[in-house]
Amino acid sequence: MAKKEKKNPGKDAQILLHLYELRREPTMRKARSFMTGEFWPQSYDEFKTVLFDFGSERNAWARQALTFWDMAAAIVLSGAVDEDLFYETNGELYFLYAKFKNFLPQFRKEFIDPEFATRIEKLATKSIKGRNRVKRMEAYFKARAAQQAAAAKDGN
């Protein structure tokens, strides 16, 4: 029987702290702010418009945030960082997956990279904890949309 490799939580912590430092970089903060707070596409066409608008600031932000989290997911999926520790310290990957998951299959068909954000998807759906977090976020998005619709109706 092969000897199980010992985990190194100190090394995992260093990697996670470095990922956090990268998230704090000013351009990355703008990218994350756009993707988490400003960009709420209601259709695939709205999603695609930003993701195919090469050269625009919004496109750069979208690609920066999504590829950052795809890279982070690849690090976890490779075993370089403990999956449970990553889950406990990073909710944004799951948030972005829940927010954009319905658009990703079509985008992959139209985009040059059929593996675009596949690592985000794999990590977000790999465990029951991850799938449950995604479901909770989807419920939040649905409630948020209902509140906005009600507010818009009341405002008219």
N, C-alpha and C. Protein backbone atom coordinates (compact mmCIF):
# COMPACT_ATOMS: atom_id res chain seq x y z
N MET A 1 0.84 -1.17 0.00
CA MET A 1 0.00 0.00 0.00
C MET A 1 0.89 1.24 0.00
N ALA A 2 0.53 2.19 -0.88
CA ALA A 2 1.32 3.42 -0.98
C ALA A 2 1.09 4.28 0.25
N LYS A 3 2.17 4.87 0.68
CA LYS A 3 2.10 5.76 1.84
C LYS A 3 1.40 7.05 1.43
N LYS A 4 0.40 7.46 2.19
CA LYS A 4 -0.34 8.67 1.91
C LYS A 4 0.56 9.88 2.17
N GLU A 5 0.57 10.79 1.18
CA GLU A 5 1.38 11.99 1.31
C GLU A 5 0.84 12.87 2.43
N LYS A 6 1.75 13.36 3.26
CA LYS A 6 1.36 14.23 4.36
C LYS A 6 0.97 15.60 3.84
N LYS A 7 -0.11 16.12 4.36
CA LYS A 7 -0.53 17.47 3.97
C LYS A 7 0.38 18.49 4.62
N ASN A 8 0.50 19.61 3.97
CA ASN A 8 1.32 20.69 4.47
C ASN A 8 0.45 21.95 4.56
N PRO A 9 -0.29 22.11 5.67
CA PRO A 9 -1.19 23.26 5.77
C PRO A 9 -0.47 24.61 5.71
N GLY A 10 0.78 24.65 6.13
CA GLY A 10 1.55 25.89 6.05
C GLY A 10 1.76 26.31 4.61
N LYS A 11 2.09 25.36 3.76
CA LYS A 11 2.28 25.64 2.34
C LYS A 11 0.96 26.06 1.72
N ASP A 12 -0.13 25.37 2.04
CA ASP A 12 -1.45 25.73 1.53
C ASP A 12 -1.80 27.15 1.94
N ALA A 13 -1.54 27.48 3.19
CA ALA A 13 -1.84 28.82 3.70
C ALA A 13 -1.05 29.88 2.94
N GLN A 14 0.22 29.60 2.65
CA GLN A 14 1.04 30.55 1.91
C GLN A 14 0.46 30.79 0.52
N ILE A 15 0.06 29.74 -0.15
CA ILE A 15 -0.51 29.87 -1.49
C ILE A 15 -1.81 30.66 -1.43
N LEU A 16 -2.67 30.34 -0.48
CA LEU A 16 -3.95 31.05 -0.35
C LEU A 16 -3.74 32.52 -0.02
N LEU A 17 -2.78 32.81 0.85
CA LEU A 17 -2.49 34.21 1.17
C LEU A 17 -1.95 34.95 -0.05
N HIS A 18 -1.16 34.26 -0.86
CA HIS A 18 -0.65 34.89 -2.08
C HIS A 18 -1.80 35.15 -3.06
N LEU A 19 -2.71 34.20 -3.20
CA LEU A 19 -3.89 34.43 -4.05
C LEU A 19 -4.67 35.63 -3.55
N TYR A 20 -4.78 35.75 -2.23
CA TYR A 20 -5.49 36.90 -1.66
C TYR A 20 -4.77 38.21 -1.99
N GLU A 21 -3.45 38.20 -1.91
CA GLU A 21 -2.67 39.39 -2.26
C GLU A 21 -2.93 39.79 -3.71
N LEU A 22 -2.97 38.81 -4.59
CA LEU A 22 -3.23 39.09 -6.00
C LEU A 22 -4.63 39.68 -6.20
N ARG A 23 -5.58 39.23 -5.41
CA ARG A 23 -6.95 39.75 -5.50
C ARG A 23 -7.02 41.21 -5.09
N ARG A 24 -6.06 41.68 -4.31
CA ARG A 24 -6.06 43.05 -3.81
C ARG A 24 -5.40 44.04 -4.77
N GLU A 25 -4.77 43.56 -5.80
CA GLU A 25 -4.13 44.42 -6.79
C GLU A 25 -5.21 45.34 -7.38
N PRO A 26 -4.92 46.63 -7.58
CA PRO A 26 -5.96 47.59 -7.98
C PRO A 26 -6.77 47.23 -9.24
N THR A 27 -6.09 46.79 -10.28
CA THR A 27 -6.84 46.42 -11.49
C THR A 27 -7.69 45.19 -11.24
N MET A 28 -7.16 44.27 -10.47
CA MET A 28 -7.93 43.06 -10.15
C MET A 28 -9.14 43.42 -9.30
N ARG A 29 -8.99 44.36 -8.39
CA ARG A 29 -10.14 44.81 -7.58
C ARG A 29 -11.25 45.37 -8.48
N LYS A 30 -10.86 46.15 -9.49
CA LYS A 30 -11.85 46.70 -10.43
C LYS A 30 -12.51 45.57 -11.21
N ALA A 31 -11.72 44.61 -11.63
CA ALA A 31 -12.26 43.47 -12.38
C ALA A 31 -13.25 42.69 -11.53
N ARG A 32 -12.88 42.43 -10.31
CA ARG A 32 -13.75 41.67 -9.41
C ARG A 32 -15.01 42.45 -9.07
N SER A 33 -14.87 43.75 -8.87
CA SER A 33 -16.03 44.59 -8.58
C SER A 33 -17.02 44.57 -9.74
N PHE A 34 -16.49 44.67 -10.94
CA PHE A 34 -17.34 44.62 -12.13
C PHE A 34 -18.07 43.27 -12.22
N MET A 35 -17.31 42.20 -12.06
CA MET A 35 -17.90 40.86 -12.24
C MET A 35 -18.85 40.47 -11.12
N THR A 36 -18.61 40.92 -9.91
CA THR A 36 -19.49 40.52 -8.81
C THR A 36 -20.63 41.49 -8.57
N GLY A 37 -20.42 42.77 -8.85
CA GLY A 37 -21.43 43.75 -8.49
C GLY A 37 -22.12 44.47 -9.62
N GLU A 38 -21.41 44.67 -10.73
CA GLU A 38 -21.97 45.49 -11.80
C GLU A 38 -22.52 44.69 -12.97
N PHE A 39 -21.91 43.59 -13.28
CA PHE A 39 -22.26 42.82 -14.49
C PHE A 39 -23.27 41.73 -14.14
N TRP A 40 -24.53 41.98 -14.52
CA TRP A 40 -25.63 41.04 -14.26
C TRP A 40 -26.37 40.75 -15.56
N PRO A 41 -25.72 40.02 -16.48
CA PRO A 41 -26.39 39.77 -17.76
C PRO A 41 -27.68 38.97 -17.57
N GLN A 42 -28.70 39.38 -18.30
CA GLN A 42 -30.00 38.69 -18.23
C GLN A 42 -30.17 37.68 -19.35
N SER A 43 -29.24 37.68 -20.30
CA SER A 43 -29.30 36.75 -21.42
C SER A 43 -27.89 36.37 -21.85
N TYR A 44 -27.82 35.32 -22.64
CA TYR A 44 -26.53 34.92 -23.18
C TYR A 44 -25.95 36.03 -24.05
N ASP A 45 -26.80 36.70 -24.81
CA ASP A 45 -26.31 37.77 -25.68
C ASP A 45 -25.64 38.89 -24.89
N GLU A 46 -26.19 39.24 -23.73
CA GLU A 46 -25.56 40.26 -22.89
C GLU A 46 -24.21 39.78 -22.37
N PHE A 47 -24.14 38.52 -21.98
CA PHE A 47 -22.88 37.93 -21.51
C PHE A 47 -21.86 37.94 -22.64
N LYS A 48 -22.28 37.44 -23.78
CA LYS A 48 -21.39 37.33 -24.93
C LYS A 48 -20.89 38.70 -25.40
N THR A 49 -21.75 39.71 -25.34
CA THR A 49 -21.36 41.04 -25.78
C THR A 49 -20.12 41.52 -25.03
N VAL A 50 -20.09 41.32 -23.73
CA VAL A 50 -18.93 41.74 -22.94
C VAL A 50 -17.74 40.83 -23.20
N LEU A 51 -17.96 39.52 -23.22
CA LEU A 51 -16.84 38.58 -23.36
C LEU A 51 -16.22 38.60 -24.75
N PHE A 52 -16.96 39.08 -25.75
CA PHE A 52 -16.41 39.17 -27.11
C PHE A 52 -16.01 40.60 -27.48
N ASP A 53 -16.15 41.54 -26.58
CA ASP A 53 -15.81 42.94 -26.85
C ASP A 53 -14.33 43.17 -26.56
N PHE A 54 -13.48 42.47 -27.30
CA PHE A 54 -12.04 42.53 -27.08
C PHE A 54 -11.53 43.96 -27.20
N GLY A 55 -10.66 44.32 -26.27
CA GLY A 55 -10.09 45.64 -26.25
C GLY A 55 -10.81 46.59 -25.31
N SER A 56 -12.02 46.22 -24.90
CA SER A 56 -12.76 47.09 -23.98
C SER A 56 -12.32 46.81 -22.54
N GLU A 57 -12.52 47.79 -21.69
CA GLU A 57 -12.17 47.63 -20.29
C GLU A 57 -13.02 46.54 -19.63
N ARG A 58 -14.32 46.52 -19.96
CA ARG A 58 -15.21 45.50 -19.37
C ARG A 58 -14.80 44.10 -19.79
N ASN A 59 -14.38 43.94 -21.02
CA ASN A 59 -13.90 42.63 -21.48
C ASN A 59 -12.64 42.23 -20.73
N ALA A 60 -11.73 43.17 -20.57
CA ALA A 60 -10.49 42.87 -19.85
C ALA A 60 -10.80 42.47 -18.41
N TRP A 61 -11.71 43.17 -17.77
CA TRP A 61 -12.09 42.83 -16.40
C TRP A 61 -12.72 41.45 -16.33
N ALA A 62 -13.63 41.15 -17.25
CA ALA A 62 -14.30 39.84 -17.24
C ALA A 62 -13.28 38.72 -17.42
N ARG A 63 -12.41 38.88 -18.40
CA ARG A 63 -11.40 37.84 -18.64
C ARG A 63 -10.44 37.73 -17.47
N GLN A 64 -10.05 38.87 -16.87
CA GLN A 64 -9.11 38.82 -15.76
C GLN A 64 -9.71 38.08 -14.57
N ALA A 65 -10.93 38.41 -14.21
CA ALA A 65 -11.55 37.75 -13.06
C ALA A 65 -11.79 36.27 -13.32
N LEU A 66 -12.34 35.94 -14.48
CA LEU A 66 -12.65 34.53 -14.75
C LEU A 66 -11.39 33.69 -14.90
N THR A 67 -10.37 34.22 -15.55
CA THR A 67 -9.15 33.41 -15.70
C THR A 67 -8.39 33.31 -14.38
N PHE A 68 -8.48 34.34 -13.54
CA PHE A 68 -7.86 34.25 -12.21
C PHE A 68 -8.47 33.10 -11.43
N TRP A 69 -9.81 33.05 -11.38
CA TRP A 69 -10.46 31.99 -10.60
C TRP A 69 -10.30 30.62 -11.26
N ASP A 70 -10.18 30.59 -12.59
CA ASP A 70 -9.93 29.33 -13.27
C ASP A 70 -8.54 28.82 -12.90
N MET A 71 -7.58 29.73 -12.82
CA MET A 71 -6.21 29.36 -12.40
C MET A 71 -6.22 28.86 -10.95
N ALA A 72 -6.92 29.58 -10.08
CA ALA A 72 -7.00 29.16 -8.68
C ALA A 72 -7.63 27.78 -8.57
N ALA A 73 -8.68 27.54 -9.34
CA ALA A 73 -9.32 26.22 -9.33
C ALA A 73 -8.36 25.15 -9.81
N ALA A 74 -7.58 25.44 -10.83
CA ALA A 74 -6.60 24.47 -11.34
C ALA A 74 -5.57 24.13 -10.26
N ILE A 75 -5.17 25.12 -9.49
CA ILE A 75 -4.21 24.88 -8.40
C ILE A 75 -4.82 23.92 -7.38
N VAL A 76 -6.07 24.12 -7.05
CA VAL A 76 -6.75 23.24 -6.09
C VAL A 76 -6.95 21.85 -6.68
N LEU A 77 -7.43 21.79 -7.91
CA LEU A 77 -7.71 20.50 -8.54
C LEU A 77 -6.45 19.67 -8.75
N SER A 78 -5.31 20.34 -8.87
CA SER A 78 -4.04 19.61 -9.03
C SER A 78 -3.56 19.02 -7.71
N GLY A 79 -4.17 19.45 -6.61
CA GLY A 79 -3.76 18.97 -5.30
C GLY A 79 -2.75 19.87 -4.62
N ALA A 80 -2.40 20.98 -5.24
CA ALA A 80 -1.41 21.88 -4.65
C ALA A 80 -1.94 22.61 -3.42
N VAL A 81 -3.28 22.74 -3.34
CA VAL A 81 -3.93 23.37 -2.19
C VAL A 81 -5.08 22.47 -1.76
N ASP A 82 -5.24 22.33 -0.47
CA ASP A 82 -6.32 21.51 0.07
C ASP A 82 -7.68 22.08 -0.34
N GLU A 83 -8.51 21.24 -0.91
CA GLU A 83 -9.81 21.68 -1.41
C GLU A 83 -10.71 22.22 -0.30
N ASP A 84 -10.73 21.57 0.85
CA ASP A 84 -11.57 22.04 1.94
C ASP A 84 -11.11 23.41 2.46
N LEU A 85 -9.81 23.60 2.56
CA LEU A 85 -9.29 24.89 3.01
C LEU A 85 -9.62 25.98 1.99
N PHE A 86 -9.50 25.67 0.72
CA PHE A 86 -9.86 26.64 -0.32
C PHE A 86 -11.34 27.00 -0.21
N TYR A 87 -12.19 25.99 -0.05
CA TYR A 87 -13.63 26.24 0.09
C TYR A 87 -13.92 27.17 1.26
N GLU A 88 -13.25 26.93 2.37
CA GLU A 88 -13.49 27.72 3.58
C GLU A 88 -13.03 29.17 3.44
N THR A 89 -12.12 29.45 2.53
CA THR A 89 -11.54 30.79 2.45
C THR A 89 -11.86 31.53 1.16
N ASN A 90 -12.60 30.92 0.24
CA ASN A 90 -12.86 31.56 -1.05
C ASN A 90 -14.28 31.27 -1.54
N GLY A 91 -15.15 32.23 -1.42
CA GLY A 91 -16.51 32.08 -1.91
C GLY A 91 -16.73 32.64 -3.30
N GLU A 92 -15.85 33.53 -3.72
CA GLU A 92 -16.08 34.24 -4.99
C GLU A 92 -16.12 33.32 -6.20
N LEU A 93 -15.28 32.31 -6.23
CA LEU A 93 -15.29 31.36 -7.35
C LEU A 93 -16.67 30.74 -7.50
N TYR A 94 -17.28 30.33 -6.41
CA TYR A 94 -18.59 29.70 -6.43
C TYR A 94 -19.66 30.71 -6.83
N PHE A 95 -19.51 31.95 -6.37
CA PHE A 95 -20.41 33.05 -6.72
C PHE A 95 -20.41 33.27 -8.23
N LEU A 96 -19.22 33.38 -8.81
CA LEU A 96 -19.12 33.63 -10.25
C LEU A 96 -19.65 32.45 -11.05
N TYR A 97 -19.36 31.24 -10.59
CA TYR A 97 -19.89 30.08 -11.31
C TYR A 97 -21.42 30.09 -11.26
N ALA A 98 -22.00 30.32 -10.10
CA ALA A 98 -23.46 30.34 -9.98
C ALA A 98 -24.05 31.44 -10.86
N LYS A 99 -23.39 32.56 -10.93
CA LYS A 99 -23.88 33.71 -11.68
C LYS A 99 -23.84 33.49 -13.20
N PHE A 100 -22.80 32.82 -13.69
CA PHE A 100 -22.59 32.72 -15.13
C PHE A 100 -22.70 31.31 -15.70
N LYS A 101 -22.98 30.33 -14.88
CA LYS A 101 -22.91 28.94 -15.33
C LYS A 101 -23.82 28.63 -16.51
N ASN A 102 -24.96 29.28 -16.58
CA ASN A 102 -25.89 28.99 -17.68
C ASN A 102 -25.38 29.50 -19.02
N PHE A 103 -24.44 30.43 -19.00
CA PHE A 103 -23.91 30.99 -20.24
C PHE A 103 -22.65 30.27 -20.72
N LEU A 104 -21.99 29.55 -19.84
CA LEU A 104 -20.68 28.97 -20.18
C LEU A 104 -20.72 27.92 -21.28
N PRO A 105 -21.66 26.97 -21.30
CA PRO A 105 -21.63 25.97 -22.38
C PRO A 105 -21.71 26.59 -23.78
N GLN A 106 -22.62 27.54 -23.99
CA GLN A 106 -22.74 28.18 -25.29
C GLN A 106 -21.50 29.01 -25.62
N PHE A 107 -20.98 29.70 -24.62
CA PHE A 107 -19.79 30.51 -24.85
C PHE A 107 -18.63 29.63 -25.27
N ARG A 108 -18.48 28.48 -24.64
CA ARG A 108 -17.39 27.57 -25.00
C ARG A 108 -17.52 27.11 -26.44
N LYS A 109 -18.74 26.92 -26.92
CA LYS A 109 -18.95 26.50 -28.31
C LYS A 109 -18.52 27.58 -29.28
N GLU A 110 -18.74 28.82 -28.92
CA GLU A 110 -18.46 29.94 -29.82
C GLU A 110 -17.06 30.50 -29.67
N PHE A 111 -16.43 30.25 -28.54
CA PHE A 111 -15.13 30.82 -28.24
C PHE A 111 -14.04 29.89 -28.73
N ILE A 112 -12.85 30.43 -28.88
CA ILE A 112 -11.71 29.65 -29.38
C ILE A 112 -11.25 28.58 -28.39
N ASP A 113 -11.61 28.73 -27.11
CA ASP A 113 -11.16 27.80 -26.07
C ASP A 113 -12.34 27.04 -25.48
N PRO A 114 -12.55 25.79 -25.90
CA PRO A 114 -13.67 25.02 -25.35
C PRO A 114 -13.48 24.64 -23.88
N GLU A 115 -12.31 24.94 -23.32
CA GLU A 115 -12.05 24.65 -21.90
C GLU A 115 -12.21 25.89 -21.04
N PHE A 116 -12.73 26.98 -21.61
CA PHE A 116 -12.86 28.24 -20.88
C PHE A 116 -13.66 28.04 -19.60
N ALA A 117 -13.05 28.36 -18.47
CA ALA A 117 -13.67 28.29 -17.14
C ALA A 117 -14.11 26.88 -16.73
N THR A 118 -13.56 25.86 -17.37
CA THR A 118 -13.96 24.49 -17.01
C THR A 118 -13.44 24.10 -15.63
N ARG A 119 -12.32 24.67 -15.23
CA ARG A 119 -11.79 24.33 -13.91
C ARG A 119 -12.64 24.97 -12.80
N ILE A 120 -13.15 26.17 -13.06
CA ILE A 120 -14.09 26.79 -12.13
C ILE A 120 -15.30 25.86 -11.95
N GLU A 121 -15.84 25.43 -13.06
CA GLU A 121 -17.02 24.56 -13.02
C GLU A 121 -16.73 23.24 -12.30
N LYS A 122 -15.60 22.64 -12.63
CA LYS A 122 -15.26 21.36 -12.01
C LYS A 122 -15.13 21.49 -10.50
N LEU A 123 -14.44 22.53 -10.04
CA LEU A 123 -14.26 22.70 -8.60
C LEU A 123 -15.58 23.05 -7.92
N ALA A 124 -16.36 23.93 -8.53
CA ALA A 124 -17.62 24.36 -7.92
C ALA A 124 -18.64 23.23 -7.81
N THR A 125 -18.53 22.25 -8.68
CA THR A 125 -19.51 21.15 -8.69
C THR A 125 -18.95 19.84 -8.18
N LYS A 126 -17.70 19.82 -7.80
CA LYS A 126 -17.03 18.57 -7.42
C LYS A 126 -17.56 17.99 -6.11
N SER A 127 -17.82 18.83 -5.13
CA SER A 127 -18.24 18.34 -3.82
C SER A 127 -19.68 18.74 -3.53
N ILE A 128 -20.29 18.04 -2.61
CA ILE A 128 -21.65 18.38 -2.20
C ILE A 128 -21.65 19.78 -1.57
N LYS A 129 -20.60 20.12 -0.82
CA LYS A 129 -20.51 21.46 -0.23
C LYS A 129 -20.49 22.53 -1.32
N GLY A 130 -19.72 22.29 -2.34
CA GLY A 130 -19.63 23.25 -3.45
C GLY A 130 -20.96 23.38 -4.17
N ARG A 131 -21.58 22.24 -4.48
CA ARG A 131 -22.88 22.28 -5.17
C ARG A 131 -23.94 22.97 -4.32
N ASN A 132 -23.91 22.74 -3.01
CA ASN A 132 -24.86 23.40 -2.12
C ASN A 132 -24.62 24.90 -2.05
N ARG A 133 -23.36 25.30 -2.04
CA ARG A 133 -23.04 26.74 -2.03
C ARG A 133 -23.56 27.39 -3.31
N VAL A 134 -23.37 26.73 -4.43
CA VAL A 134 -23.86 27.25 -5.71
C VAL A 134 -25.39 27.38 -5.67
N LYS A 135 -26.07 26.38 -5.14
CA LYS A 135 -27.54 26.44 -5.03
C LYS A 135 -27.98 27.60 -4.16
N ARG A 136 -27.31 27.82 -3.04
CA ARG A 136 -27.65 28.94 -2.16
C ARG A 136 -27.45 30.28 -2.88
N MET A 137 -26.40 30.37 -3.64
CA MET A 137 -26.14 31.60 -4.37
C MET A 137 -27.18 31.82 -5.47
N GLU A 138 -27.56 30.75 -6.14
CA GLU A 138 -28.61 30.86 -7.16
C GLU A 138 -29.92 31.33 -6.53
N ALA A 139 -30.23 30.83 -5.35
CA ALA A 139 -31.44 31.26 -4.64
C ALA A 139 -31.34 32.74 -4.29
N TYR A 140 -30.16 33.17 -3.87
CA TYR A 140 -29.94 34.59 -3.58
C TYR A 140 -30.16 35.43 -4.84
N PHE A 141 -29.62 34.99 -5.97
CA PHE A 141 -29.76 35.75 -7.21
C PHE A 141 -31.23 35.86 -7.61
N LYS A 142 -31.95 34.78 -7.43
CA LYS A 142 -33.38 34.77 -7.78
C LYS A 142 -34.15 35.75 -6.88
N ALA A 143 -33.85 35.73 -5.59
CA ALA A 143 -34.51 36.65 -4.65
C ALA A 143 -34.13 38.09 -4.97
N ARG A 144 -32.88 38.32 -5.30
CA ARG A 144 -32.40 39.66 -5.66
C ARG A 144 -33.15 40.17 -6.89
N ALA A 145 -33.28 39.33 -7.90
CA ALA A 145 -33.99 39.72 -9.12
C ALA A 145 -35.45 40.04 -8.82
N ALA A 146 -36.08 39.25 -7.97
CA ALA A 146 -37.48 39.50 -7.59
C ALA A 146 -37.62 40.82 -6.85
N GLN A 147 -36.68 41.13 -5.97
CA GLN A 147 -36.70 42.41 -5.24
C GLN A 147 -36.54 43.58 -6.20
N GLN A 148 -35.64 43.43 -7.15
CA GLN A 148 -35.42 44.50 -8.11
C GLN A 148 -36.65 44.69 -9.00
N ALA A 149 -37.27 43.59 -9.40
CA ALA A 149 -38.48 43.69 -10.22
C ALA A 149 -39.61 44.38 -9.44
N ALA A 150 -39.74 44.01 -8.17
CA ALA A 150 -40.79 44.63 -7.32
C ALA A 150 -40.51 46.11 -7.13
N ALA A 151 -39.26 46.46 -6.91
CA ALA A 151 -38.89 47.87 -6.73
C ALA A 151 -39.14 48.66 -8.01
N ALA A 152 -38.85 48.07 -9.14
CA ALA A 152 -39.08 48.74 -10.42
C ALA A 152 -40.57 48.94 -10.66
N LYS A 153 -41.35 47.94 -10.28
CA LYS A 153 -42.81 48.03 -10.44
C LYS A 153 -43.38 49.11 -9.53
N ASP A 154 -42.90 49.17 -8.30
CA ASP A 154 -43.36 50.17 -7.35
C ASP A 154 -42.93 51.58 -7.77
N GLY A 155 -41.80 51.66 -8.44
CA GLY A 155 -41.27 52.95 -8.86
C GLY A 155 -41.98 53.53 -10.06
N ASN A 156 -42.75 52.73 -10.76
CA ASN A 156 -43.45 53.21 -11.97
C ASN A 156 -44.81 53.75 -11.67
